[in-house]
Amino acid sequence: MTINIIHPNLCTLLDNINNNKIYTFNQRDRLKGNNASVGYIDTAMVIMPFNVRKNIKWRLYIYEADGH
């Protein structure tokens, strides 16, 4: 079983993001993630406003779908 822990201040952060940008984070220290390539990013490492990603669909038939 995998458990995702949501930061207690996430809602405050979401109030301050630019809705025209995609934000990525790395898993080691939760800082800026600069590599959004397949095999280096997953869904838990990105904040993507709906208006930016509304036309993007995950490739559900492959393991690394969120990296494509």
N, C-alpha and C. Protein backbone atom coordinates (compact mmCIF):
# COMPACT_ATOMS: atom_id res chain seq x y z
N MET A 1 0.84 -1.17 0.00
CA MET A 1 0.00 0.00 0.00
C MET A 1 0.89 1.25 0.00
N THR A 2 0.55 2.20 -0.84
CA THR A 2 1.27 3.47 -0.91
C THR A 2 0.42 4.56 -0.26
N ILE A 3 1.08 5.37 0.54
CA ILE A 3 0.38 6.47 1.21
C ILE A 3 1.04 7.78 0.80
N ASN A 4 0.25 8.73 0.35
CA ASN A 4 0.75 10.07 0.06
C ASN A 4 0.42 10.96 1.24
N ILE A 5 1.41 11.67 1.72
CA ILE A 5 1.22 12.60 2.83
C ILE A 5 1.15 14.01 2.26
N ILE A 6 0.07 14.69 2.51
CA ILE A 6 -0.11 16.04 2.00
C ILE A 6 0.37 17.04 3.05
N HIS A 7 1.17 17.99 2.61
CA HIS A 7 1.71 19.00 3.52
C HIS A 7 0.55 19.79 4.13
N PRO A 8 0.60 20.07 5.43
CA PRO A 8 -0.50 20.78 6.09
C PRO A 8 -0.74 22.19 5.56
N ASN A 9 0.24 22.79 4.91
CA ASN A 9 0.08 24.15 4.37
C ASN A 9 -0.20 24.16 2.87
N LEU A 10 -0.59 23.03 2.31
CA LEU A 10 -0.81 22.95 0.87
C LEU A 10 -1.86 23.96 0.40
N CYS A 11 -2.94 24.10 1.11
CA CYS A 11 -4.00 25.04 0.68
C CYS A 11 -3.48 26.47 0.64
N THR A 12 -2.65 26.84 1.57
CA THR A 12 -2.05 28.18 1.56
C THR A 12 -1.16 28.35 0.33
N LEU A 13 -0.38 27.34 0.02
CA LEU A 13 0.48 27.37 -1.16
C LEU A 13 -0.36 27.52 -2.43
N LEU A 14 -1.43 26.77 -2.54
CA LEU A 14 -2.27 26.81 -3.74
C LEU A 14 -2.90 28.17 -3.96
N ASP A 15 -3.13 28.92 -2.89
CA ASP A 15 -3.67 30.28 -3.01
C ASP A 15 -2.65 31.24 -3.62
N ASN A 16 -1.37 30.86 -3.62
CA ASN A 16 -0.31 31.76 -4.06
C ASN A 16 0.36 31.38 -5.38
N ILE A 17 -0.07 30.31 -6.02
CA ILE A 17 0.59 29.90 -7.26
C ILE A 17 0.04 30.66 -8.45
N ASN A 18 0.83 30.72 -9.50
CA ASN A 18 0.43 31.33 -10.75
C ASN A 18 -0.31 30.26 -11.56
N ASN A 19 -1.56 30.48 -11.90
CA ASN A 19 -2.37 29.49 -12.60
C ASN A 19 -1.99 29.28 -14.06
N ASN A 20 -0.93 29.90 -14.51
CA ASN A 20 -0.45 29.70 -15.87
C ASN A 20 0.89 28.98 -15.90
N LYS A 21 1.31 28.45 -14.76
CA LYS A 21 2.60 27.77 -14.67
C LYS A 21 2.45 26.36 -14.12
N ILE A 22 3.42 25.52 -14.46
CA ILE A 22 3.51 24.17 -13.91
C ILE A 22 4.68 24.18 -12.93
N TYR A 23 4.46 23.66 -11.73
CA TYR A 23 5.49 23.61 -10.70
C TYR A 23 5.91 22.16 -10.49
N THR A 24 7.21 21.91 -10.50
CA THR A 24 7.71 20.56 -10.26
C THR A 24 8.63 20.54 -9.05
N PHE A 25 8.70 19.38 -8.41
CA PHE A 25 9.50 19.21 -7.20
C PHE A 25 10.25 17.89 -7.31
N ASN A 26 11.39 17.80 -6.63
CA ASN A 26 12.06 16.51 -6.60
C ASN A 26 11.64 15.76 -5.34
N GLN A 27 11.87 14.46 -5.29
CA GLN A 27 11.42 13.67 -4.15
C GLN A 27 12.43 13.64 -3.01
N ARG A 28 13.67 14.01 -3.28
CA ARG A 28 14.70 13.93 -2.25
C ARG A 28 14.53 15.00 -1.18
N ASP A 29 14.44 16.27 -1.59
CA ASP A 29 14.35 17.35 -0.60
C ASP A 29 13.18 18.30 -0.86
N ARG A 30 12.31 17.93 -1.78
CA ARG A 30 11.08 18.68 -2.09
C ARG A 30 11.34 20.06 -2.66
N LEU A 31 12.50 20.25 -3.24
CA LEU A 31 12.82 21.53 -3.86
C LEU A 31 12.47 21.48 -5.34
N LYS A 32 12.82 22.52 -6.04
CA LYS A 32 12.51 22.64 -7.46
C LYS A 32 13.03 21.42 -8.22
N GLY A 33 12.17 20.80 -8.97
CA GLY A 33 12.57 19.69 -9.81
C GLY A 33 12.75 20.18 -11.23
N ASN A 34 13.91 19.99 -11.79
CA ASN A 34 14.19 20.51 -13.12
C ASN A 34 14.08 19.48 -14.22
N ASN A 35 13.79 18.22 -13.87
CA ASN A 35 13.77 17.18 -14.88
C ASN A 35 12.38 16.55 -14.96
N ALA A 36 11.60 17.00 -15.91
CA ALA A 36 10.24 16.48 -16.08
C ALA A 36 10.19 15.40 -17.15
N SER A 37 11.28 14.64 -17.28
CA SER A 37 11.37 13.59 -18.29
C SER A 37 10.80 12.28 -17.76
N VAL A 38 10.45 11.40 -18.69
CA VAL A 38 9.97 10.07 -18.33
C VAL A 38 11.01 9.37 -17.46
N GLY A 39 10.55 8.80 -16.36
CA GLY A 39 11.45 8.11 -15.44
C GLY A 39 12.01 9.01 -14.34
N TYR A 40 11.76 10.30 -14.43
CA TYR A 40 12.29 11.24 -13.43
C TYR A 40 11.22 12.03 -12.70
N ILE A 41 9.96 11.86 -13.09
CA ILE A 41 8.89 12.62 -12.46
C ILE A 41 7.65 11.74 -12.34
N ASP A 42 6.87 11.97 -11.31
CA ASP A 42 5.58 11.31 -11.21
C ASP A 42 4.54 12.31 -10.73
N THR A 43 3.30 11.89 -10.68
CA THR A 43 2.20 12.79 -10.39
C THR A 43 2.37 13.53 -9.06
N ALA A 44 2.99 12.89 -8.08
CA ALA A 44 3.16 13.51 -6.77
C ALA A 44 4.23 14.60 -6.77
N MET A 45 4.91 14.80 -7.88
CA MET A 45 5.99 15.77 -7.94
C MET A 45 5.63 17.01 -8.77
N VAL A 46 4.35 17.21 -9.00
CA VAL A 46 3.96 18.32 -9.87
C VAL A 46 2.65 18.96 -9.38
N ILE A 47 2.59 20.27 -9.51
CA ILE A 47 1.33 21.01 -9.33
C ILE A 47 1.04 21.62 -10.69
N MET A 48 -0.09 21.23 -11.25
CA MET A 48 -0.42 21.65 -12.60
C MET A 48 -1.87 22.16 -12.60
N PRO A 49 -2.07 23.47 -12.69
CA PRO A 49 -3.42 24.02 -12.72
C PRO A 49 -4.24 23.44 -13.87
N PHE A 50 -5.53 23.28 -13.65
CA PHE A 50 -6.39 22.65 -14.65
C PHE A 50 -6.33 23.35 -15.99
N ASN A 51 -6.32 24.68 -16.01
CA ASN A 51 -6.33 25.38 -17.29
C ASN A 51 -5.08 25.10 -18.11
N VAL A 52 -3.98 24.69 -17.49
CA VAL A 52 -2.75 24.35 -18.20
C VAL A 52 -2.80 22.91 -18.71
N ARG A 53 -3.43 22.01 -17.96
CA ARG A 53 -3.38 20.60 -18.31
C ARG A 53 -4.69 20.03 -18.84
N LYS A 54 -5.70 20.85 -19.04
CA LYS A 54 -7.02 20.33 -19.41
C LYS A 54 -7.03 19.48 -20.68
N ASN A 55 -6.09 19.69 -21.59
CA ASN A 55 -6.04 18.90 -22.82
C ASN A 55 -5.00 17.79 -22.78
N ILE A 56 -4.36 17.59 -21.64
CA ILE A 56 -3.34 16.54 -21.49
C ILE A 56 -4.00 15.30 -20.89
N LYS A 57 -3.79 14.17 -21.51
CA LYS A 57 -4.35 12.92 -21.00
C LYS A 57 -3.22 11.95 -20.67
N TRP A 58 -3.34 11.26 -19.54
CA TRP A 58 -2.36 10.26 -19.15
C TRP A 58 -2.49 9.05 -20.08
N ARG A 59 -1.39 8.40 -20.37
CA ARG A 59 -1.40 7.16 -21.15
C ARG A 59 -1.58 6.02 -20.16
N LEU A 60 -2.80 5.65 -19.90
CA LEU A 60 -3.14 4.73 -18.82
C LEU A 60 -2.62 3.32 -19.02
N TYR A 61 -2.23 2.95 -20.20
CA TYR A 61 -1.80 1.58 -20.49
C TYR A 61 -0.31 1.34 -20.25
N ILE A 62 0.42 2.35 -19.78
CA ILE A 62 1.85 2.17 -19.52
C ILE A 62 2.18 2.59 -18.09
N TYR A 63 3.22 1.98 -17.53
CA TYR A 63 3.60 2.22 -16.14
C TYR A 63 3.97 3.67 -15.88
N GLU A 64 4.79 4.26 -16.73
CA GLU A 64 5.27 5.63 -16.49
C GLU A 64 4.40 6.66 -17.19
N ALA A 65 3.09 6.45 -17.18
CA ALA A 65 2.15 7.31 -17.89
C ALA A 65 2.25 8.77 -17.47
N ASP A 66 2.47 9.01 -16.18
CA ASP A 66 2.51 10.40 -15.72
C ASP A 66 3.76 11.15 -16.18
N GLY A 67 4.76 10.46 -16.67
CA GLY A 67 5.96 11.12 -17.17
C GLY A 67 5.89 11.53 -18.62
N HIS A 68 4.91 11.01 -19.33
CA HIS A 68 4.82 11.30 -20.77
C HIS A 68 4.13 12.62 -21.03
